[in-house]
Amino acid sequence: MIVQGDRPVRERFSGLAAALGAWFAREARPLPWRGVGVAPWHVLVSEFMLQQTQVDRVVPRYLAWVERWPTPSRLAAEAPGEAVRAWDRLGYPRRALWLHRAASEIATQHDDAVPRDLDTLLGLTGVGPYTARAVAAFAYGERHPVVDTNTRRVLARVVHGRAAAGMPRAGDLDDMAALLPEAPAEAQVFNAAAMELGATVCTARSPRCVECPVAAWCEWRGAGYPANAPERRPKQAAFAGSDRQTRGRIMALLRSASEPVPRGDALDALDAMVGESARDPLQAERALDSLLSDGLLVEFDGRLRLP
């Protein structure tokens, strides 16, 4: 049992789950993948899309996706390139390929039903430990701790009195498990409510502590909001002018094309986007080759298309 000082965490935070659940019932955003009766497949789609992507960008793509492909077998029947095209500008388009492969696996190996068992979920393409726990918890009501970036920040402040969470660690799941209610239905709400709190109130830059439903339990608040955030990870390289930006421009071109595009025409179109004098030809070739290596594009007879 996790202990904070000389008292178990569950004892120290008695009543927190009820307060957070009551707040969630009043304040939760009406996101389309929440609520009673949402198909497990739709929950899985939402979890793929939400990885490192803002909710407001996901909602329209999610709604279009589940309308077009309401079951795994409907997606599996399409070419992988259609999934990449429909992914549009969500970013990290390999997720679209992985979701298509997972749909094929669910359709052929699991009778078109998303598994509920963690180990079976982990056997699907693109499903890691977080996604497996999230699907089991939110689609099937299984009692598992689910910890995303927002939850980690809530745990860091409330349980440990730190301004920020720092790098992911194994203890994050232990912290969440110690607070998780025993009843599966209450645990499901607590998982979702902790994420919601971190996303809307206990935010990274401007936490609204006066509105927080668990402020009475918060160790960070009790300590006077110390500036004791752990060392941050190095900043990611700037997007502008990067290989990632070039990859995105090439993908945008191919998504809009109805026919295969000659490789030279793709590079010429890239010149038109950024100006020939500004384009680094080595970067363009490097980005194009990486997309081919990732399976996001295929090339035959010098012509490019989605897979």
Foldseek 3Di string as FASTA:
>chain_A
DPADPNHFPQVLQPPVLVLLLVCCVVDPDPQPCADPPRALLLQLVQVLLPVVFDPVVVRVLSVVVCVQPVFLVSLLVDDLLVQLLSNPPSDPSLSSSQSNQLSVCCVPPVVRHQDLDLVVNCPRGPDDNQSNQSSNCRNPLDQAAHDDLLLQQQCCFLPVLALHRADDDPCSRVSRSSNADPRSVSNSSSNVSSSRCSVPASDNPDHPLVPDSSNVRTNNVVVPNDNHHPDHDDDDPDPVPALSVLLSLLSNVQSPDPDWAAPVVSVVVVCVVPPVVPDDVVSNVVSVVVCVVSQQWDDDPRTIHGD
